[in-house]
Protein backbone atom coordinates (compact mmCIF):
# COMPACT_ATOMS: atom_id res chain seq x y z
CA MET A 1 0.00 0.00 0.00
CA ARG A 2 1.14 3.54 -0.71
CA LEU A 3 0.65 6.73 1.29
CA HIS A 4 1.52 10.08 -0.31
CA VAL A 5 0.53 13.13 1.75
CA VAL A 6 1.46 16.69 2.61
CA VAL A 7 1.28 17.53 6.30
CA ARG A 8 0.45 21.13 7.12
CA GLY A 9 0.58 23.21 10.27
CA ARG A 10 3.60 23.87 12.47
CA VAL A 11 5.63 21.00 11.04
CA GLN A 12 9.00 22.54 10.16
CA GLY A 13 11.64 23.34 12.74
CA VAL A 14 10.18 20.83 15.24
CA GLY A 15 11.94 17.59 14.20
CA PHE A 16 9.03 16.39 12.08
CA ARG A 17 11.13 14.81 9.33
CA TRP A 18 13.25 12.92 11.85
CA PHE A 19 10.06 11.80 13.68
CA VAL A 20 8.60 10.48 10.41
CA ARG A 21 11.81 8.75 9.35
CA GLU A 22 12.18 6.95 12.67
CA ALA A 23 8.50 5.93 12.79
CA ALA A 24 8.65 4.57 9.23
CA ARG A 25 11.89 2.69 9.84
CA ARG A 26 10.45 1.07 12.99
CA ARG A 27 7.66 -0.33 10.79
CA ASP A 28 10.04 -1.30 7.93
CA LEU A 29 8.40 1.06 5.44
CA ALA A 30 10.05 2.32 2.26
CA GLY A 31 9.81 5.95 1.20
CA TRP A 32 10.95 9.43 2.05
CA VAL A 33 10.04 12.69 3.79
CA ARG A 34 10.98 16.25 2.82
CA ASN A 35 10.25 19.87 3.70
CA LEU A 36 8.36 21.96 1.17
CA ALA A 37 8.98 25.65 0.43
CA ASP A 38 5.41 26.48 1.50
CA GLY A 39 6.03 25.22 5.07
CA GLY A 40 4.49 21.78 4.63
CA VAL A 41 6.15 18.38 4.88
CA GLU A 42 5.68 15.83 2.10
CA VAL A 43 5.69 12.11 2.95
CA LEU A 44 5.73 9.14 0.58
CA ALA A 45 5.61 5.68 2.19
CA GLU A 46 5.01 2.14 0.98
CA GLY A 47 4.44 -1.02 2.95
CA MET A 48 1.86 -3.30 4.48
CA GLU A 49 -1.60 -1.77 4.89
CA ALA A 50 -1.64 -1.98 8.69
CA GLU A 51 1.72 -0.21 8.90
CA ILE A 52 0.62 2.56 6.52
CA VAL A 53 -2.59 3.11 8.53
CA TRP A 54 -0.45 3.34 11.68
CA LEU A 55 1.96 5.82 10.06
CA ARG A 56 -0.90 8.04 8.91
CA SER A 57 -2.17 8.25 12.49
CA GLU A 58 1.35 9.15 13.65
CA LEU A 59 1.53 11.91 11.01
CA ALA A 60 -1.71 13.40 12.33
CA ARG A 61 -0.22 13.46 15.84
CA GLY A 62 3.35 14.56 15.03
CA PRO A 63 6.23 14.99 17.48
CA ASP A 64 6.20 17.20 20.57
CA GLY A 65 6.27 20.82 19.44
CA ALA A 66 4.38 20.17 16.20
CA ALA A 67 0.83 21.34 15.58
CA VAL A 68 -0.60 19.32 12.69
CA GLU A 69 -3.56 21.06 11.06
CA GLU A 70 -4.03 18.85 8.01
CA VAL A 71 -2.83 15.63 6.40
CA GLU A 72 -3.67 16.10 2.71
CA GLU A 73 -3.63 13.20 0.25
CA VAL A 74 -1.51 13.83 -2.87
CA ALA A 75 -2.47 12.38 -6.24
CA VAL A 76 0.69 11.93 -8.28
CA ALA A 77 2.17 9.68 -10.92
CA ARG A 78 4.57 6.92 -9.95
CA VAL A 79 7.36 8.23 -7.73
CA ASP A 80 10.40 6.24 -6.60
CA VAL A 81 10.69 5.25 -2.97
CA ALA A 82 13.82 4.76 -0.87
CA LYS A 83 14.62 1.94 1.49
CA PRO A 84 15.55 2.40 4.20
CA PHE A 85 13.14 5.30 4.65
CA ALA A 86 15.06 8.56 4.10
CA ILE A 87 14.96 12.29 4.63
CA ILE A 88 15.48 14.00 1.28
CA ARG A 89 16.08 17.65 0.50
């Protein structure tokens, strides 16, 4: 299963990318996370359905210091994933 979302709110400067990378690696997911110029954080993850559902709930919560306002689904053509899960720039 694939999850491709943009997380919005106070999600930059609070360790959000590191939080996502560590959560995804704990669940053996492939993919990546990156900051966007508009202040959002983009996440692409692939793995077992139960693990993706769990990750999405973690994204909605975020790390301490984050204030997630929205987790927006992204419709996009095929995009390569990384394994292990990586922070990209």
